[in-house]
Amino acid sequence: MIAVAQIDGVEEYTTDTEYAPDAEFSADVIWGYAPLTVKFTDESTGNPTEWKWNFGDGSPIIDGTTSDYQNPTHTYEKAGVYEVKETAINSAGRNTEIKPHYITVKSPEEIDDSDYSGFQTSEEEPDAEFSADITSGYAPLTVKFTDESTGHPTE
């Protein structure tokens, strides 16, 4: 709606125009081992007031107007690669963001010691270990350290 007012011979226009949102979202983790719990964050613009999420794993689509629906947490129970869809809605319309192959969940049997960055793993406590390529020499001494920790530390 556009309202026009004339004050002292000058027309002023005000609008009550609302635009459909532009759906955007992110996740705190996008790959790991089952069961993998993911916290999704709505980053939509356009002031949505309702959100619909499809997590791609056959679970029910969630739909609502509270912060629990805006920024949901979802647990993926089975290994697979999942497409995630978020629809942001307001009174002017709706928009859907689709991220194919967004969440990758591996079964615990697929643990590979070569790379754990970004993975959520079992609750096994890490055991810090390291080695050095040389342990003595003359200054200045350059030493290469290698992490040999077990238990899949994340930091």
Protein backbone atom coordinates (compact mmCIF):
# COMPACT_ATOMS: atom_id res chain seq x y z
CA MET A 1 0.00 0.00 0.00
CA ILE A 2 1.28 3.50 -0.84
CA ALA A 3 0.00 6.43 1.18
CA VAL A 4 0.30 10.00 -0.12
CA ALA A 5 0.05 13.03 2.11
CA GLN A 6 0.41 16.67 1.17
CA ILE A 7 2.01 18.86 3.81
CA ASP A 8 2.67 22.53 3.01
CA GLY A 9 2.30 21.83 -0.70
CA VAL A 10 4.84 18.95 -0.65
CA GLU A 11 3.70 15.44 -1.38
CA GLU A 12 5.14 12.76 0.87
CA TYR A 13 4.95 9.12 -0.04
CA THR A 14 5.09 6.32 2.46
CA THR A 15 4.96 2.68 1.61
CA ASP A 16 3.89 -0.32 3.51
CA THR A 17 5.49 -2.61 0.96
CA GLU A 18 6.71 -5.95 2.20
CA TYR A 19 8.83 -8.24 0.09
CA ALA A 20 8.95 -12.01 0.09
CA PRO A 21 11.94 -13.31 2.04
CA ASP A 22 15.13 -14.64 0.51
CA ALA A 23 15.78 -17.99 2.23
CA GLU A 24 19.34 -18.71 3.38
CA PHE A 25 20.72 -21.05 6.03
CA SER A 26 23.87 -22.67 7.38
CA ALA A 27 24.73 -25.62 9.62
CA ASP A 28 27.24 -25.92 12.45
CA VAL A 29 28.52 -29.24 11.07
CA ILE A 30 27.96 -30.71 7.61
CA TRP A 31 29.59 -34.12 7.99
CA GLY A 32 30.27 -36.66 10.67
CA TYR A 33 29.31 -40.05 12.05
CA ALA A 34 25.82 -41.31 12.86
CA PRO A 35 24.07 -40.29 14.95
CA LEU A 36 24.99 -36.77 13.80
CA THR A 37 23.27 -33.81 15.46
CA VAL A 38 23.20 -30.66 13.33
CA LYS A 39 22.20 -27.16 14.46
CA PHE A 40 20.75 -25.22 11.51
CA THR A 41 20.79 -21.42 11.51
CA ASP A 42 18.33 -19.37 9.48
CA GLU A 43 20.11 -16.53 7.66
CA SER A 44 17.13 -15.43 5.56
CA THR A 45 16.49 -11.80 4.72
CA GLY A 46 13.12 -10.12 4.30
CA ASN A 47 11.80 -10.72 7.83
CA PRO A 48 10.29 -14.18 7.58
CA THR A 49 7.72 -15.08 10.21
CA GLU A 50 7.42 -18.80 9.46
CA TRP A 51 9.88 -21.52 8.47
CA LYS A 52 9.56 -24.96 6.90
CA TRP A 53 12.44 -27.42 6.94
CA ASN A 54 12.95 -30.67 5.06
CA PHE A 55 16.07 -32.46 6.33
CA GLY A 56 16.09 -34.96 3.48
CA ASP A 57 16.19 -38.10 5.61
CA GLY A 58 12.51 -39.02 5.51
CA SER A 59 11.72 -37.38 8.83
CA PRO A 60 8.58 -35.22 8.96
CA ILE A 61 8.85 -31.71 7.52
CA ILE A 62 8.76 -29.21 10.35
CA ASP A 63 6.74 -26.04 9.98
CA GLY A 64 6.21 -23.27 12.51
CA THR A 65 6.65 -19.71 13.69
CA THR A 66 8.85 -19.98 16.81
CA SER A 67 12.62 -19.77 17.19
CA ASP A 68 12.70 -23.58 17.43
CA TYR A 69 11.51 -23.65 13.83
CA GLN A 70 13.70 -20.75 12.76
CA ASN A 71 16.91 -22.40 14.04
CA PRO A 72 16.18 -26.12 14.45
CA THR A 73 18.42 -28.92 15.63
CA HIS A 74 18.11 -32.23 13.82
CA THR A 75 19.75 -35.62 14.38
CA TYR A 76 20.59 -37.81 11.41
CA GLU A 77 20.41 -41.42 12.58
CA LYS A 78 21.59 -43.22 9.42
CA ALA A 79 24.54 -42.92 7.08
CA GLY A 80 23.83 -41.10 3.83
CA VAL A 81 24.14 -37.86 1.91
CA TYR A 82 21.22 -35.52 2.48
CA GLU A 83 19.64 -32.57 0.69
CA VAL A 84 18.30 -29.88 3.03
CA LYS A 85 15.53 -27.42 2.16
CA GLU A 86 14.42 -24.35 4.09
CA THR A 87 11.38 -22.30 3.10
CA ALA A 88 11.15 -18.83 4.61
CA ILE A 89 7.66 -17.30 4.64
CA ASN A 90 6.12 -13.91 5.38
CA SER A 91 2.85 -12.22 4.43
CA ALA A 92 4.29 -11.15 1.04
CA GLY A 93 5.36 -14.63 -0.06
CA ARG A 94 7.82 -17.46 0.34
CA ASN A 95 11.23 -18.52 -0.91
CA THR A 96 13.04 -21.86 -0.68
CA GLU A 97 16.78 -22.49 -0.36
CA ILE A 98 17.82 -26.01 -1.46
CA LYS A 99 21.28 -27.38 -0.70
CA PRO A 100 21.78 -30.73 -2.45
CA HIS A 101 24.35 -33.13 -0.94
CA TYR A 102 24.67 -30.75 2.04
CA ILE A 103 24.90 -33.16 4.99
CA THR A 104 27.11 -36.26 4.81
CA VAL A 105 26.67 -38.87 7.52
CA LYS A 106 28.94 -41.91 7.74
CA SER A 107 28.39 -45.01 9.79
CA PRO A 108 30.78 -45.52 12.71
CA GLU A 109 32.24 -48.52 10.83
CA GLU A 110 33.58 -46.10 8.19
CA ILE A 111 36.00 -44.33 10.55
CA ASP A 112 39.08 -43.28 8.63
CA ASP A 113 42.08 -42.07 10.63
CA SER A 114 43.26 -39.84 7.78
CA ASP A 115 40.96 -36.87 8.45
CA TYR A 116 38.72 -35.94 11.33
CA SER A 117 38.45 -32.18 10.86
CA GLY A 118 34.79 -31.17 11.07
CA PHE A 119 33.60 -34.59 12.21
CA GLN A 120 31.47 -35.30 15.20
CA THR A 121 32.68 -38.62 16.52
CA SER A 122 32.08 -40.92 19.44
CA GLU A 123 32.63 -39.70 22.97
CA GLU A 124 36.06 -41.39 23.21
CA GLU A 125 38.42 -39.15 25.18
CA PRO A 126 41.52 -38.08 23.21
CA ASP A 127 45.01 -39.13 24.26
CA ALA A 128 47.55 -36.45 23.25
CA GLU A 129 50.72 -37.78 21.61
CA PHE A 130 53.25 -36.25 19.24
CA SER A 131 56.66 -36.87 17.74
CA ALA A 132 59.46 -34.70 16.40
CA ASP A 133 61.62 -35.30 13.35
CA ILE A 134 64.72 -34.31 15.33
CA THR A 135 65.20 -33.86 19.07
CA SER A 136 68.61 -32.22 19.30
CA GLY A 137 70.94 -30.06 17.27
CA TYR A 138 72.59 -26.66 17.04
CA ALA A 139 70.75 -23.32 17.17
CA PRO A 140 68.86 -22.22 15.19
CA LEU A 141 67.12 -25.60 15.23
CA THR A 142 64.07 -26.27 13.03
CA VAL A 143 61.88 -29.11 14.31
CA LYS A 144 58.88 -30.63 12.57
CA PHE A 145 56.24 -31.87 15.05
CA THR A 146 53.67 -34.52 14.08
CA ASP A 147 50.39 -35.04 15.93
CA GLU A 148 49.93 -38.71 16.83
CA SER A 149 46.99 -38.27 19.19
CA THR A 150 44.29 -40.93 19.42
CA GLY A 151 40.62 -40.53 20.25
CA HIS A 152 39.94 -38.16 17.37
CA PRO A 153 40.60 -34.73 18.93
CA THR A 154 38.94 -31.79 17.20
CA GLU A 155 41.32 -29.09 18.44
